[in-house]
Amino acid sequence: MKKTRKPAAEDDMLPEYDFTGAVRGKYYQRFRASSNVVVLDPDVSAAFPNAASVNEALRSLATVARRSVRVARRASTVARRPDNRMVGSGTGAVLRRR
């Protein structure tokens, strides 16, 4: 069975377009690596008037998250350090851990 062509009214391509030297997908990988599209839910997008406000909010959140991770790491490393104290004086000093 022979395939039928679309009617000319539905055809988007004009006859003067020439793709004889074209390569399909030539920049596909580069485009995929550099684009990052995020679709927001309607309730979230209602909270932000434009893309700049979304970016500002995300940058602020990322800054707070980085600070909280640093504080948590610092607190955990301080808590893990043993309490080493030298008891006594002179040559008979003893290292005591609490």
C-alpha atoms as a PDB file:
ATOM      1  CA  MET A   1       0.000   0.000   0.000  1.00  0.00           C
ATOM      2  CA  LYS A   2       1.416   3.356  -0.992  1.00  0.00           C
ATOM      3  CA  LYS A   3       1.692   6.138   1.589  1.00  0.00           C
ATOM      4  CA  THR A   4      -0.111   9.340   0.842  1.00  0.00           C
ATOM      5  CA  ARG A   5       1.460  12.767   1.303  1.00  0.00           C
ATOM      6  CA  LYS A   6       0.010  15.392   3.578  1.00  0.00           C
ATOM      7  CA  PRO A   7      -2.025  18.029   1.845  1.00  0.00           C
ATOM      8  CA  ALA A   8      -0.092  21.208   1.047  1.00  0.00           C
ATOM      9  CA  ALA A   9      -2.129  23.205   3.598  1.00  0.00           C
ATOM     10  CA  GLU A  10      -0.725  21.099   6.487  1.00  0.00           C
ATOM     11  CA  ASP A  11       2.855  21.040   5.173  1.00  0.00           C
ATOM     12  CA  ASP A  12       5.085  23.389   7.231  1.00  0.00           C
ATOM     13  CA  MET A  13       8.047  23.179   4.885  1.00  0.00           C
ATOM     14  CA  LEU A  14       8.294  25.636   2.054  1.00  0.00           C
ATOM     15  CA  PRO A  15       9.813  24.482  -1.237  1.00  0.00           C
ATOM     16  CA  GLU A  16      12.773  26.883  -0.896  1.00  0.00           C
ATOM     17  CA  TYR A  17      14.101  25.140   2.231  1.00  0.00           C
ATOM     18  CA  ASP A  18      17.183  23.120   1.307  1.00  0.00           C
ATOM     19  CA  PHE A  19      18.517  20.518   3.747  1.00  0.00           C
ATOM     20  CA  THR A  20      20.747  18.588   1.366  1.00  0.00           C
ATOM     21  CA  GLY A  21      23.901  19.153   3.485  1.00  0.00           C
ATOM     22  CA  ALA A  22      22.164  18.975   6.862  1.00  0.00           C
ATOM     23  CA  VAL A  23      23.118  16.519   9.592  1.00  0.00           C
ATOM     24  CA  ARG A  24      20.348  15.374  11.914  1.00  0.00           C
ATOM     25  CA  GLY A  25      21.167  15.823  15.604  1.00  0.00           C
ATOM     26  CA  LYS A  26      24.494  17.587  15.019  1.00  0.00           C
ATOM     27  CA  TYR A  27      24.200  19.776  18.132  1.00  0.00           C
ATOM     28  CA  TYR A  28      21.954  17.498  20.161  1.00  0.00           C
ATOM     29  CA  GLN A  29      24.530  16.463  22.806  1.00  0.00           C
ATOM     30  CA  ARG A  30      25.774  20.029  23.280  1.00  0.00           C
ATOM     31  CA  PHE A  31      22.211  21.253  23.702  1.00  0.00           C
ATOM     32  CA  ARG A  32      21.368  18.527  26.215  1.00  0.00           C
ATOM     33  CA  ALA A  33      24.471  19.322  28.261  1.00  0.00           C
ATOM     34  CA  SER A  34      23.754  23.041  28.462  1.00  0.00           C
ATOM     35  CA  SER A  35      19.993  23.131  28.949  1.00  0.00           C
ATOM     36  CA  ASN A  36      18.150  22.388  32.131  1.00  0.00           C
ATOM     37  CA  VAL A  37      14.393  22.805  31.966  1.00  0.00           C
ATOM     38  CA  VAL A  38      12.434  22.496  35.186  1.00  0.00           C
ATOM     39  CA  VAL A  39       8.654  22.444  35.143  1.00  0.00           C
ATOM     40  CA  LEU A  40       7.082  23.896  38.278  1.00  0.00           C
ATOM     41  CA  ASP A  41       3.776  22.755  39.695  1.00  0.00           C
ATOM     42  CA  PRO A  42       1.012  25.344  39.379  1.00  0.00           C
ATOM     43  CA  ASP A  43       0.949  26.141  43.109  1.00  0.00           C
ATOM     44  CA  VAL A  44       4.709  26.761  43.143  1.00  0.00           C
ATOM     45  CA  SER A  45       4.674  28.891  40.003  1.00  0.00           C
ATOM     46  CA  ALA A  46       1.875  31.006  41.506  1.00  0.00           C
ATOM     47  CA  ALA A  47       4.249  31.996  44.336  1.00  0.00           C
ATOM     48  CA  PHE A  48       6.833  33.458  41.936  1.00  0.00           C
ATOM     49  CA  PRO A  49       6.078  36.246  39.449  1.00  0.00           C
ATOM     50  CA  ASN A  50       9.016  35.489  37.112  1.00  0.00           C
ATOM     51  CA  ALA A  51      12.110  33.346  36.541  1.00  0.00           C
ATOM     52  CA  ALA A  52      14.419  35.844  38.273  1.00  0.00           C
ATOM     53  CA  SER A  53      12.513  35.514  41.547  1.00  0.00           C
ATOM     54  CA  VAL A  54      12.682  31.704  41.340  1.00  0.00           C
ATOM     55  CA  ASN A  55      16.453  31.862  40.791  1.00  0.00           C
ATOM     56  CA  GLU A  56      16.891  34.302  43.688  1.00  0.00           C
ATOM     57  CA  ALA A  57      14.906  32.050  46.036  1.00  0.00           C
ATOM     58  CA  LEU A  58      16.859  28.950  44.987  1.00  0.00           C
ATOM     59  CA  ARG A  59      20.199  30.723  45.427  1.00  0.00           C
ATOM     60  CA  SER A  60      19.170  31.831  48.924  1.00  0.00           C
ATOM     61  CA  LEU A  61      18.081  28.307  49.785  1.00  0.00           C
ATOM     62  CA  ALA A  62      21.358  26.862  48.475  1.00  0.00           C
ATOM     63  CA  THR A  63      23.349  29.351  50.590  1.00  0.00           C
ATOM     64  CA  VAL A  64      21.417  28.411  53.734  1.00  0.00           C
ATOM     65  CA  ALA A  65      21.837  24.709  52.972  1.00  0.00           C
ATOM     66  CA  ARG A  66      25.610  25.074  52.541  1.00  0.00           C
ATOM     67  CA  ARG A  67      25.882  26.992  55.819  1.00  0.00           C
ATOM     68  CA  SER A  68      23.849  24.431  57.734  1.00  0.00           C
ATOM     69  CA  VAL A  69      26.003  21.586  56.397  1.00  0.00           C
ATOM     70  CA  ARG A  70      29.164  23.414  57.508  1.00  0.00           C
ATOM     71  CA  VAL A  71      27.721  24.075  60.965  1.00  0.00           C
ATOM     72  CA  ALA A  72      26.607  20.455  61.306  1.00  0.00           C
ATOM     73  CA  ARG A  73      30.046  19.176  60.262  1.00  0.00           C
ATOM     74  CA  ARG A  74      31.807  21.546  62.622  1.00  0.00           C
ATOM     75  CA  ALA A  75      29.566  20.515  65.533  1.00  0.00           C
ATOM     76  CA  SER A  76      30.053  16.815  64.861  1.00  0.00           C
ATOM     77  CA  THR A  77      33.842  17.098  64.644  1.00  0.00           C
ATOM     78  CA  VAL A  78      33.991  19.032  67.918  1.00  0.00           C
ATOM     79  CA  ALA A  79      31.804  16.437  69.622  1.00  0.00           C
ATOM     80  CA  ARG A  80      34.044  13.567  68.455  1.00  0.00           C
ATOM     81  CA  ARG A  81      37.287  14.997  69.773  1.00  0.00           C
ATOM     82  CA  PRO A  82      38.436  13.250  72.964  1.00  0.00           C
ATOM     83  CA  ASP A  83      39.100  15.405  75.991  1.00  0.00           C
ATOM     84  CA  ASN A  84      42.843  14.879  76.517  1.00  0.00           C
ATOM     85  CA  ARG A  85      44.349  16.532  79.576  1.00  0.00           C
ATOM     86  CA  MET A  86      47.713  16.230  81.196  1.00  0.00           C
ATOM     87  CA  VAL A  87      47.389  15.406  84.865  1.00  0.00           C
ATOM     88  CA  GLY A  88      50.324  16.055  87.158  1.00  0.00           C
ATOM     89  CA  SER A  89      53.474  17.973  86.514  1.00  0.00           C
ATOM     90  CA  GLY A  90      57.065  17.381  85.665  1.00  0.00           C
ATOM     91  CA  THR A  91      58.329  14.088  84.270  1.00  0.00           C
ATOM     92  CA  GLY A  92      55.574  12.014  85.878  1.00  0.00           C
ATOM     93  CA  ALA A  93      52.709  13.687  83.962  1.00  0.00           C
ATOM     94  CA  VAL A  94      50.021  11.276  82.820  1.00  0.00           C
ATOM     95  CA  LEU A  95      47.707  11.660  79.853  1.00  0.00           C
ATOM     96  CA  ARG A  96      44.143  11.112  81.010  1.00  0.00           C
ATOM     97  CA  ARG A  97      41.097  10.805  78.769  1.00  0.00           C
ATOM     98  CA  ARG A  98      37.671  11.621  80.063  1.00  0.00           C
END
